[in-house]
Amino acid sequence: MEKSCSQEDSRKDLPIPMENPHEEPLKKCVLCGKHVDYKNVKLLSQFISPFTGCIYGRHITVLCGKKQREITKAVKRAQIVGFIPVTYKDPNYLKDPKVCNIR
């Protein structure tokens, strides 16, 4: 009553190679492959806080390091040229009456 182990029987016991079903897909940078220009104010304003004027960090924008640096440089350049304001006024106070005749 000896059982002989053939190669076919041993192959049936091996695990089947497959992808991990619990693995999350890699996050891809939104701007990779796109050109970032300081004149594109609509694009740049999405990466700036509307209340403080600060540039959002990488953990918020989910950009790669290269594109985050490009966005930062483009925002700074647009602020210097005057396309984007450096500081923002709180929207609640935009309709306040002028106290003095100062612009």
PDB file of N, CA and C in Angstrom:
ATOM      1  N   MET A   1       0.805  -1.196   0.000  1.00  0.00           N
ATOM      2  CA  MET A   1       0.000   0.000   0.000  1.00  0.00           C
ATOM      3  C   MET A   1       0.852   1.265   0.000  1.00  0.00           C
ATOM      4  N   GLU A   2       1.849   1.275  -0.777  1.00  0.00           N
ATOM      5  CA  GLU A   2       2.677   2.464  -0.878  1.00  0.00           C
ATOM      6  C   GLU A   2       2.060   3.429  -1.875  1.00  0.00           C
ATOM      7  N   LYS A   3       2.077   4.701  -1.472  1.00  0.00           N
ATOM      8  CA  LYS A   3       1.582   5.745  -2.376  1.00  0.00           C
ATOM      9  C   LYS A   3       2.775   6.435  -3.016  1.00  0.00           C
ATOM     10  N   SER A   4       2.748   6.488  -4.276  1.00  0.00           N
ATOM     11  CA  SER A   4       3.831   7.190  -4.956  1.00  0.00           C
ATOM     12  C   SER A   4       3.371   8.612  -5.266  1.00  0.00           C
ATOM     13  N   CYS A   5       4.237   9.524  -5.045  1.00  0.00           N
ATOM     14  CA  CYS A   5       3.924  10.948  -5.247  1.00  0.00           C
ATOM     15  C   CYS A   5       4.441  11.346  -6.625  1.00  0.00           C
ATOM     16  N   SER A   6       3.556  11.619  -7.517  1.00  0.00           N
ATOM     17  CA  SER A   6       3.976  12.057  -8.840  1.00  0.00           C
ATOM     18  C   SER A   6       4.079  13.584  -8.871  1.00  0.00           C
ATOM     19  N   GLN A   7       4.685  14.102  -9.895  1.00  0.00           N
ATOM     20  CA  GLN A   7       4.857  15.552 -10.010  1.00  0.00           C
ATOM     21  C   GLN A   7       3.523  16.248 -10.235  1.00  0.00           C
ATOM     22  N   GLU A   8       2.603  15.604 -10.896  1.00  0.00           N
ATOM     23  CA  GLU A   8       1.293  16.198 -11.139  1.00  0.00           C
ATOM     24  C   GLU A   8       0.556  16.456  -9.834  1.00  0.00           C
ATOM     25  N   ASP A   9       0.610  15.503  -8.921  1.00  0.00           N
ATOM     26  CA  ASP A   9      -0.076  15.653  -7.645  1.00  0.00           C
ATOM     27  C   ASP A   9       0.534  16.789  -6.825  1.00  0.00           C
ATOM     28  N   SER A  10       1.849  16.953  -6.883  1.00  0.00           N
ATOM     29  CA  SER A  10       2.498  17.992  -6.095  1.00  0.00           C
ATOM     30  C   SER A  10       2.235  19.385  -6.684  1.00  0.00           C
ATOM     31  N   ARG A  11       2.032  19.455  -7.986  1.00  0.00           N
ATOM     32  CA  ARG A  11       1.731  20.749  -8.617  1.00  0.00           C
ATOM     33  C   ARG A  11       0.333  21.234  -8.267  1.00  0.00           C
ATOM     34  N   LYS A  12      -0.578  20.339  -8.017  1.00  0.00           N
ATOM     35  CA  LYS A  12      -1.945  20.725  -7.681  1.00  0.00           C
ATOM     36  C   LYS A  12      -1.998  21.449  -6.336  1.00  0.00           C
ATOM     37  N   ASP A  13      -1.036  21.173  -5.465  1.00  0.00           N
ATOM     38  CA  ASP A  13      -1.036  21.762  -4.136  1.00  0.00           C
ATOM     39  C   ASP A  13      -0.392  23.157  -4.089  1.00  0.00           C
ATOM     40  N   LEU A  14       0.304  23.540  -5.148  1.00  0.00           N
ATOM     41  CA  LEU A  14       0.969  24.840  -5.158  1.00  0.00           C
ATOM     42  C   LEU A  14      -0.061  25.963  -5.298  1.00  0.00           C
ATOM     43  N   PRO A  15       0.206  27.127  -4.687  1.00  0.00           N
ATOM     44  CA  PRO A  15      -0.738  28.241  -4.807  1.00  0.00           C
ATOM     45  C   PRO A  15      -0.738  28.817  -6.227  1.00  0.00           C
ATOM     46  N   ILE A  16      -1.872  29.329  -6.611  1.00  0.00           N
ATOM     47  CA  ILE A  16      -2.032  29.933  -7.932  1.00  0.00           C
ATOM     48  C   ILE A  16      -1.546  31.384  -7.852  1.00  0.00           C
ATOM     49  N   PRO A  17      -0.659  31.807  -8.739  1.00  0.00           N
ATOM     50  CA  PRO A  17      -0.205  33.214  -8.704  1.00  0.00           C
ATOM     51  C   PRO A  17      -1.347  34.149  -9.138  1.00  0.00           C
ATOM     52  N   MET A  18      -1.605  35.154  -8.301  1.00  0.00           N
ATOM     53  CA  MET A  18      -2.642  36.125  -8.630  1.00  0.00           C
ATOM     54  C   MET A  18      -2.293  37.458  -7.974  1.00  0.00           C
ATOM     55  N   GLU A  19      -2.962  38.524  -8.406  1.00  0.00           N
ATOM     56  CA  GLU A  19      -2.723  39.846  -7.848  1.00  0.00           C
ATOM     57  C   GLU A  19      -3.347  39.951  -6.463  1.00  0.00           C
ATOM     58  N   ASN A  20      -2.791  40.824  -5.665  1.00  0.00           N
ATOM     59  CA  ASN A  20      -3.320  41.054  -4.328  1.00  0.00           C
ATOM     60  C   ASN A  20      -4.630  41.849  -4.443  1.00  0.00           C
ATOM     61  N   PRO A  21      -5.762  41.280  -4.014  1.00  0.00           N
ATOM     62  CA  PRO A  21      -7.035  41.998  -4.153  1.00  0.00           C
ATOM     63  C   PRO A  21      -7.170  43.170  -3.183  1.00  0.00           C
ATOM     64  N   HIS A  22      -6.346  43.222  -2.148  1.00  0.00           N
ATOM     65  CA  HIS A  22      -6.437  44.288  -1.148  1.00  0.00           C
ATOM     66  C   HIS A  22      -5.465  45.433  -1.416  1.00  0.00           C
ATOM     67  N   GLU A  23      -4.637  45.289  -2.424  1.00  0.00           N
ATOM     68  CA  GLU A  23      -3.643  46.309  -2.724  1.00  0.00           C
ATOM     69  C   GLU A  23      -4.321  47.497  -3.402  1.00  0.00           C
ATOM     70  N   GLU A  24      -4.059  48.701  -2.877  1.00  0.00           N
ATOM     71  CA  GLU A  24      -4.640  49.908  -3.458  1.00  0.00           C
ATOM     72  C   GLU A  24      -3.811  50.329  -4.661  1.00  0.00           C
ATOM     73  N   PRO A  25      -4.461  50.887  -5.666  1.00  0.00           N
ATOM     74  CA  PRO A  25      -3.692  51.355  -6.825  1.00  0.00           C
ATOM     75  C   PRO A  25      -2.826  52.549  -6.438  1.00  0.00           C
ATOM     76  N   LEU A  26      -1.698  52.698  -7.110  1.00  0.00           N
ATOM     77  CA  LEU A  26      -0.796  53.796  -6.809  1.00  0.00           C
ATOM     78  C   LEU A  26      -1.450  55.129  -7.180  1.00  0.00           C
ATOM     79  N   LYS A  27      -1.251  56.124  -6.312  1.00  0.00           N
ATOM     80  CA  LYS A  27      -1.791  57.447  -6.598  1.00  0.00           C
ATOM     81  C   LYS A  27      -0.906  58.106  -7.644  1.00  0.00           C
ATOM     82  N   LYS A  28      -1.533  58.644  -8.667  1.00  0.00           N
ATOM     83  CA  LYS A  28      -0.781  59.274  -9.735  1.00  0.00           C
ATOM     84  C   LYS A  28      -0.927  60.786  -9.623  1.00  0.00           C
ATOM     85  N   CYS A  29       0.116  61.475  -9.933  1.00  0.00           N
ATOM     86  CA  CYS A  29       0.108  62.932  -9.905  1.00  0.00           C
ATOM     87  C   CYS A  29      -0.865  63.445 -10.968  1.00  0.00           C
ATOM     88  N   VAL A  30      -1.658  64.442 -10.599  1.00  0.00           N
ATOM     89  CA  VAL A  30      -2.677  64.971 -11.502  1.00  0.00           C
ATOM     90  C   VAL A  30      -2.042  65.746 -12.654  1.00  0.00           C
ATOM     91  N   LEU A  31      -0.914  66.391 -12.400  1.00  0.00           N
ATOM     92  CA  LEU A  31      -0.308  67.273 -13.401  1.00  0.00           C
ATOM     93  C   LEU A  31       0.843  66.654 -14.184  1.00  0.00           C
ATOM     94  N   CYS A  32       1.195  65.395 -13.915  1.00  0.00           N
ATOM     95  CA  CYS A  32       2.287  64.776 -14.675  1.00  0.00           C
ATOM     96  C   CYS A  32       1.915  64.716 -16.148  1.00  0.00           C
ATOM     97  N   GLY A  33       2.802  65.219 -16.972  1.00  0.00           N
ATOM     98  CA  GLY A  33       2.543  65.256 -18.405  1.00  0.00           C
ATOM     99  C   GLY A  33       1.871  66.536 -18.858  1.00  0.00           C
ATOM    100  N   LYS A  34       1.529  67.429 -17.920  1.00  0.00           N
ATOM    101  CA  LYS A  34       0.891  68.700 -18.254  1.00  0.00           C
ATOM    102  C   LYS A  34       1.902  69.834 -18.062  1.00  0.00           C
ATOM    103  N   HIS A  35       1.708  70.903 -18.807  1.00  0.00           N
ATOM    104  CA  HIS A  35       2.585  72.071 -18.710  1.00  0.00           C
ATOM    105  C   HIS A  35       2.009  73.048 -17.688  1.00  0.00           C
ATOM    106  N   VAL A  36       2.832  73.489 -16.749  1.00  0.00           N
ATOM    107  CA  VAL A  36       2.419  74.455 -15.738  1.00  0.00           C
ATOM    108  C   VAL A  36       2.971  75.819 -16.137  1.00  0.00           C
ATOM    109  N   ASP A  37       2.071  76.806 -16.280  1.00  0.00           N
ATOM    110  CA  ASP A  37       2.477  78.144 -16.692  1.00  0.00           C
ATOM    111  C   ASP A  37       1.985  79.152 -15.665  1.00  0.00           C
ATOM    112  N   TYR A  38       2.768  80.190 -15.424  1.00  0.00           N
ATOM    113  CA  TYR A  38       2.384  81.188 -14.433  1.00  0.00           C
ATOM    114  C   TYR A  38       1.217  82.051 -14.900  1.00  0.00           C
ATOM    115  N   LYS A  39       0.911  82.019 -16.188  1.00  0.00           N
ATOM    116  CA  LYS A  39      -0.209  82.807 -16.719  1.00  0.00           C
ATOM    117  C   LYS A  39      -1.553  82.105 -16.554  1.00  0.00           C
ATOM    118  N   ASN A  40      -1.532  80.818 -16.255  1.00  0.00           N
ATOM    119  CA  ASN A  40      -2.758  80.043 -16.086  1.00  0.00           C
ATOM    120  C   ASN A  40      -3.269  80.210 -14.652  1.00  0.00           C
ATOM    121  N   VAL A  41      -3.991  81.303 -14.421  1.00  0.00           N
ATOM    122  CA  VAL A  41      -4.425  81.656 -13.068  1.00  0.00           C
ATOM    123  C   VAL A  41      -5.474  80.687 -12.545  1.00  0.00           C
ATOM    124  N   LYS A  42      -6.331  80.176 -13.401  1.00  0.00           N
ATOM    125  CA  LYS A  42      -7.365  79.227 -12.954  1.00  0.00           C
ATOM    126  C   LYS A  42      -6.734  77.964 -12.392  1.00  0.00           C
ATOM    127  N   LEU A  43      -5.708  77.472 -13.037  1.00  0.00           N
ATOM    128  CA  LEU A  43      -5.025  76.275 -12.552  1.00  0.00           C
ATOM    129  C   LEU A  43      -4.311  76.566 -11.235  1.00  0.00           C
ATOM    130  N   LEU A  44      -3.582  77.658 -11.187  1.00  0.00           N
ATOM    131  CA  LEU A  44      -2.791  77.975  -9.991  1.00  0.00           C
ATOM    132  C   LEU A  44      -3.667  78.277  -8.786  1.00  0.00           C
ATOM    133  N   SER A  45      -4.831  78.881  -9.008  1.00  0.00           N
ATOM    134  CA  SER A  45      -5.692  79.247  -7.880  1.00  0.00           C
ATOM    135  C   SER A  45      -6.266  78.013  -7.174  1.00  0.00           C
ATOM    136  N   GLN A  46      -6.250  76.871  -7.821  1.00  0.00           N
ATOM    137  CA  GLN A  46      -6.727  75.648  -7.183  1.00  0.00           C
ATOM    138  C   GLN A  46      -5.749  75.137  -6.125  1.00  0.00           C
ATOM    139  N   PHE A  47      -4.517  75.610  -6.164  1.00  0.00           N
ATOM    140  CA  PHE A  47      -3.502  75.161  -5.225  1.00  0.00           C
ATOM    141  C   PHE A  47      -3.187  76.217  -4.168  1.00  0.00           C
ATOM    142  N   ILE A  48      -4.025  77.260  -4.089  1.00  0.00           N
ATOM    143  CA  ILE A  48      -3.829  78.342  -3.133  1.00  0.00           C
ATOM    144  C   ILE A  48      -5.055  78.435  -2.232  1.00  0.00           C
ATOM    145  N   SER A  49      -4.826  78.676  -0.954  1.00  0.00           N
ATOM    146  CA  SER A  49      -5.934  78.853  -0.010  1.00  0.00           C
ATOM    147  C   SER A  49      -6.648  80.166  -0.314  1.00  0.00           C
ATOM    148  N   PRO A  50      -7.975  80.154  -0.459  1.00  0.00           N
ATOM    149  CA  PRO A  50      -8.695  81.398  -0.775  1.00  0.00           C
ATOM    150  C   PRO A  50      -8.751  82.356   0.416  1.00  0.00           C
ATOM    151  N   PHE A  51      -8.450  81.880   1.609  1.00  0.00           N
ATOM    152  CA  PHE A  51      -8.547  82.723   2.792  1.00  0.00           C
ATOM    153  C   PHE A  51      -7.214  83.340   3.187  1.00  0.00           C
ATOM    154  N   THR A  52      -6.136  82.590   3.035  1.00  0.00           N
ATOM    155  CA  THR A  52      -4.834  83.090   3.469  1.00  0.00           C
ATOM    156  C   THR A  52      -3.896  83.413   2.319  1.00  0.00           C
ATOM    157  N   GLY A  53      -4.103  82.793   1.168  1.00  0.00           N
ATOM    158  CA  GLY A  53      -3.197  82.993   0.042  1.00  0.00           C
ATOM    159  C   GLY A  53      -2.006  82.062   0.084  1.00  0.00           C
ATOM    160  N   CYS A  54      -1.967  81.158   1.071  1.00  0.00           N
ATOM    161  CA  CYS A  54      -0.855  80.206   1.193  1.00  0.00           C
ATOM    162  C   CYS A  54      -1.002  79.082   0.171  1.00  0.00           C
ATOM    163  N   ILE A  55       0.135  78.564  -0.275  1.00  0.00           N
ATOM    164  CA  ILE A  55       0.143  77.447  -1.215  1.00  0.00           C
ATOM    165  C   ILE A  55      -0.048  76.165  -0.426  1.00  0.00           C
ATOM    166  N   TYR A  56      -0.973  75.311  -0.870  1.00  0.00           N
ATOM    167  CA  TYR A  56      -1.221  74.046  -0.192  1.00  0.00           C
ATOM    168  C   TYR A  56      -0.007  73.128  -0.326  1.00  0.00           C
ATOM    169  N   GLY A  57       0.214  72.262   0.663  1.00  0.00           N
ATOM    170  CA  GLY A  57       1.331  71.327   0.662  1.00  0.00           C
ATOM    171  C   GLY A  57       1.042  70.095  -0.176  1.00  0.00           C
ATOM    172  N   ARG A  58       2.065  69.262  -0.305  1.00  0.00           N
ATOM    173  CA  ARG A  58       1.943  68.043  -1.117  1.00  0.00           C
ATOM    174  C   ARG A  58       0.953  67.056  -0.543  1.00  0.00           C
ATOM    175  N   HIS A  59       0.816  67.026   0.774  1.00  0.00           N
ATOM    176  CA  HIS A  59      -0.116  66.070   1.386  1.00  0.00           C
ATOM    177  C   HIS A  59      -1.566  66.432   1.072  1.00  0.00           C
ATOM    178  N   ILE A  60      -1.816  67.678   0.694  1.00  0.00           N
ATOM    179  CA  ILE A  60      -3.171  68.103   0.337  1.00  0.00           C
ATOM    180  C   ILE A  60      -3.379  68.024  -1.179  1.00  0.00           C
ATOM    181  N   THR A  61      -2.398  68.469  -1.945  1.00  0.00           N
ATOM    182  CA  THR A  61      -2.552  68.527  -3.398  1.00  0.00           C
ATOM    183  C   THR A  61      -2.317  67.189  -4.078  1.00  0.00           C
ATOM    184  N   VAL A  62      -1.630  66.260  -3.440  1.00  0.00           N
ATOM    185  CA  VAL A  62      -1.287  64.945  -3.972  1.00  0.00           C
ATOM    186  C   VAL A  62      -0.512  65.075  -5.293  1.00  0.00           C
ATOM    187  N   LEU A  63       0.427  66.012  -5.322  1.00  0.00           N
ATOM    188  CA  LEU A  63       1.293  66.187  -6.484  1.00  0.00           C
ATOM    189  C   LEU A  63       2.646  65.545  -6.198  1.00  0.00           C
ATOM    190  N   CYS A  64       3.356  65.214  -7.271  1.00  0.00           N
ATOM    191  CA  CYS A  64       4.720  64.720  -7.091  1.00  0.00           C
ATOM    192  C   CYS A  64       5.617  65.915  -6.746  1.00  0.00           C
ATOM    193  N   GLY A  65       6.800  65.638  -6.269  1.00  0.00           N
ATOM    194  CA  GLY A  65       7.699  66.703  -5.833  1.00  0.00           C
ATOM    195  C   GLY A  65       8.055  67.674  -6.945  1.00  0.00           C
ATOM    196  N   LYS A  66       8.277  67.155  -8.135  1.00  0.00           N
ATOM    197  CA  LYS A  66       8.662  67.993  -9.269  1.00  0.00           C
ATOM    198  C   LYS A  66       7.548  68.971  -9.623  1.00  0.00           C
ATOM    199  N   LYS A  67       6.317  68.481  -9.709  1.00  0.00           N
ATOM    200  CA  LYS A  67       5.199  69.350 -10.076  1.00  0.00           C
ATOM    201  C   LYS A  67       4.843  70.315  -8.945  1.00  0.00           C
ATOM    202  N   GLN A  68       5.043  69.897  -7.684  1.00  0.00           N
ATOM    203  CA  GLN A  68       4.781  70.802  -6.560  1.00  0.00           C
ATOM    204  C   GLN A  68       5.748  71.985  -6.608  1.00  0.00           C
ATOM    205  N   ARG A  69       7.014  71.725  -6.937  1.00  0.00           N
ATOM    206  CA  ARG A  69       7.985  72.814  -7.073  1.00  0.00           C
ATOM    207  C   ARG A  69       7.623  73.723  -8.240  1.00  0.00           C
ATOM    208  N   GLU A  70       7.173  73.124  -9.360  1.00  0.00           N
ATOM    209  CA  GLU A  70       6.764  73.939 -10.506  1.00  0.00           C
ATOM    210  C   GLU A  70       5.574  74.825 -10.159  1.00  0.00           C
ATOM    211  N   ILE A  71       4.604  74.269  -9.435  1.00  0.00           N
ATOM    212  CA  ILE A  71       3.431  75.047  -9.017  1.00  0.00           C
ATOM    213  C   ILE A  71       3.859  76.185  -8.096  1.00  0.00           C
ATOM    214  N   THR A  72       4.751  75.892  -7.152  1.00  0.00           N
ATOM    215  CA  THR A  72       5.212  76.914  -6.216  1.00  0.00           C
ATOM    216  C   THR A  72       5.917  78.038  -6.952  1.00  0.00           C
ATOM    217  N   LYS A  73       6.796  77.684  -7.883  1.00  0.00           N
ATOM    218  CA  LYS A  73       7.505  78.711  -8.652  1.00  0.00           C
ATOM    219  C   LYS A  73       6.547  79.522  -9.502  1.00  0.00           C
ATOM    220  N   ALA A  74       5.574  78.847 -10.128  1.00  0.00           N
ATOM    221  CA  ALA A  74       4.609  79.548 -10.981  1.00  0.00           C
ATOM    222  C   ALA A  74       3.721  80.480 -10.160  1.00  0.00           C
ATOM    223  N   VAL A  75       3.318  80.058  -8.966  1.00  0.00           N
ATOM    224  CA  VAL A  75       2.485  80.916  -8.104  1.00  0.00           C
ATOM    225  C   VAL A  75       3.278  82.143  -7.668  1.00  0.00           C
ATOM    226  N   LYS A  76       4.514  81.939  -7.242  1.00  0.00           N
ATOM    227  CA  LYS A  76       5.351  83.070  -6.822  1.00  0.00           C
ATOM    228  C   LYS A  76       5.561  84.047  -7.974  1.00  0.00           C
ATOM    229  N   ARG A  77       5.802  83.499  -9.156  1.00  0.00           N
ATOM    230  CA  ARG A  77       6.015  84.348 -10.325  1.00  0.00           C
ATOM    231  C   ARG A  77       4.745  85.119 -10.685  1.00  0.00           C
ATOM    232  N   ALA A  78       3.590  84.443 -10.623  1.00  0.00           N
ATOM    233  CA  ALA A  78       2.324  85.093 -10.924  1.00  0.00           C
ATOM    234  C   ALA A  78       2.005  86.181  -9.892  1.00  0.00           C
ATOM    235  N   GLN A  79       2.410  85.971  -8.634  1.00  0.00           N
ATOM    236  CA  GLN A  79       2.206  86.990  -7.613  1.00  0.00           C
ATOM    237  C   GLN A  79       3.097  88.200  -7.858  1.00  0.00           C
ATOM    238  N   ILE A  80       4.326  87.963  -8.284  1.00  0.00           N
ATOM    239  CA  ILE A  80       5.254  89.063  -8.557  1.00  0.00           C
ATOM    240  C   ILE A  80       4.755  89.884  -9.751  1.00  0.00           C
ATOM    241  N   VAL A  81       4.295  89.202 -10.796  1.00  0.00           N
ATOM    242  CA  VAL A  81       3.812  89.888 -12.001  1.00  0.00           C
ATOM    243  C   VAL A  81       2.484  90.595 -11.731  1.00  0.00           C
ATOM    244  N   GLY A  82       1.674  90.040 -10.824  1.00  0.00           N
ATOM    245  CA  GLY A  82       0.411  90.679 -10.473  1.00  0.00           C
ATOM    246  C   GLY A  82      -0.816  89.945 -10.964  1.00  0.00           C
ATOM    247  N   PHE A  83      -0.648  88.728 -11.438  1.00  0.00           N
ATOM    248  CA  PHE A  83      -1.802  87.949 -11.892  1.00  0.00           C
ATOM    249  C   PHE A  83      -2.615  87.406 -10.721  1.00  0.00           C
ATOM    250  N   ILE A  84      -1.950  87.128  -9.596  1.00  0.00           N
ATOM    251  CA  ILE A  84      -2.595  86.578  -8.403  1.00  0.00           C
ATOM    252  C   ILE A  84      -2.250  87.493  -7.229  1.00  0.00           C
ATOM    253  N   PRO A  85      -3.223  87.853  -6.387  1.00  0.00           N
ATOM    254  CA  PRO A  85      -2.883  88.664  -5.210  1.00  0.00           C
ATOM    255  C   PRO A  85      -2.036  87.873  -4.211  1.00  0.00           C
ATOM    256  N   VAL A  86      -1.153  88.581  -3.527  1.00  0.00           N
ATOM    257  CA  VAL A  86      -0.271  87.919  -2.568  1.00  0.00           C
ATOM    258  C   VAL A  86      -1.054  87.533  -1.315  1.00  0.00           C
ATOM    259  N   THR A  87      -1.903  88.439  -0.829  1.00  0.00           N
ATOM    260  CA  THR A  87      -2.757  88.135   0.321  1.00  0.00           C
ATOM    261  C   THR A  87      -4.204  88.294  -0.095  1.00  0.00           C
ATOM    262  N   TYR A  88      -5.046  87.525   0.498  1.00  0.00           N
ATOM    263  CA  TYR A  88      -6.471  87.569   0.206  1.00  0.00           C
ATOM    264  C   TYR A  88      -7.201  88.211   1.374  1.00  0.00           C
ATOM    265  N   LYS A  89      -8.253  88.942   1.049  1.00  0.00           N
ATOM    266  CA  LYS A  89      -9.090  89.505   2.095  1.00  0.00           C
ATOM    267  C   LYS A  89     -10.194  88.503   2.394  1.00  0.00           C
ATOM    268  N   ASP A  90     -10.535  88.368   3.643  1.00  0.00           N
ATOM    269  CA  ASP A  90     -11.586  87.444   4.056  1.00  0.00           C
ATOM    270  C   ASP A  90     -12.886  87.816   3.348  1.00  0.00           C
ATOM    271  N   PRO A  91     -13.558  86.860   2.689  1.00  0.00           N
ATOM    272  CA  PRO A  91     -14.782  87.171   1.939  1.00  0.00           C
ATOM    273  C   PRO A  91     -15.879  87.806   2.793  1.00  0.00           C
ATOM    274  N   ASN A  92     -15.882  87.556   4.100  1.00  0.00           N
ATOM    275  CA  ASN A  92     -16.899  88.157   4.965  1.00  0.00           C
ATOM    276  C   ASN A  92     -16.748  89.668   5.059  1.00  0.00           C
ATOM    277  N   TYR A  93     -15.518  90.160   4.858  1.00  0.00           N
ATOM    278  CA  TYR A  93     -15.264  91.584   5.036  1.00  0.00           C
ATOM    279  C   TYR A  93     -15.133  92.344   3.720  1.00  0.00           C
ATOM    280  N   LEU A  94     -15.433  91.723   2.599  1.00  0.00           N
ATOM    281  CA  LEU A  94     -15.293  92.398   1.307  1.00  0.00           C
ATOM    282  C   LEU A  94     -16.283  93.543   1.135  1.00  0.00           C
ATOM    283  N   LYS A  95     -17.449  93.448   1.757  1.00  0.00           N
ATOM    284  CA  LYS A  95     -18.490  94.461   1.577  1.00  0.00           C
ATOM    285  C   LYS A  95     -18.521  95.481   2.714  1.00  0.00           C
ATOM    286  N   ASP A  96     -17.477  95.541   3.540  1.00  0.00           N
ATOM    287  CA  ASP A  96     -17.424  96.504   4.628  1.00  0.00           C
ATOM    288  C   ASP A  96     -17.354  97.922   4.073  1.00  0.00           C
ATOM    289  N   PRO A  97     -17.992  98.888   4.751  1.00  0.00           N
ATOM    290  CA  PRO A  97     -17.894 100.268   4.289  1.00  0.00           C
ATOM    291  C   PRO A  97     -16.475 100.802   4.527  1.00  0.00           C
ATOM    292  N   LYS A  98     -16.056 101.742   3.694  1.00  0.00           N
ATOM    293  CA  LYS A  98     -14.738 102.336   3.845  1.00  0.00           C
ATOM    294  C   LYS A  98     -14.787 103.356   4.971  1.00  0.00           C
ATOM    295  N   VAL A  99     -13.864 103.236   5.903  1.00  0.00           N
ATOM    296  CA  VAL A  99     -13.819 104.154   7.038  1.00  0.00           C
ATOM    297  C   VAL A  99     -13.106 105.441   6.659  1.00  0.00           C
ATOM    298  N   CYS A 100     -12.026 105.327   5.919  1.00  0.00           N
ATOM    299  CA  CYS A 100     -11.259 106.496   5.493  1.00  0.00           C
ATOM    300  C   CYS A 100     -11.332 106.593   3.980  1.00  0.00           C
ATOM    301  N   ASN A 101     -10.754 107.620   3.441  1.00  0.00           N
ATOM    302  CA  ASN A 101     -10.703 107.800   1.982  1.00  0.00           C
ATOM    303  C   ASN A 101      -9.476 107.110   1.397  1.00  0.00           C
ATOM    304  N   ILE A 102      -8.926 106.142   2.129  1.00  0.00           N
ATOM    305  CA  ILE A 102      -7.757 105.415   1.655  1.00  0.00           C
ATOM    306  C   ILE A 102      -8.219 104.312   0.724  1.00  0.00           C
ATOM    307  N   ARG A 103      -7.516 104.125  -0.353  1.00  0.00           N
ATOM    308  CA  ARG A 103      -7.892 103.093  -1.311  1.00  0.00           C
ATOM    309  C   ARG A 103      -7.728 101.799  -0.700  1.00  0.00           C
TER     310      ARG A 103
END
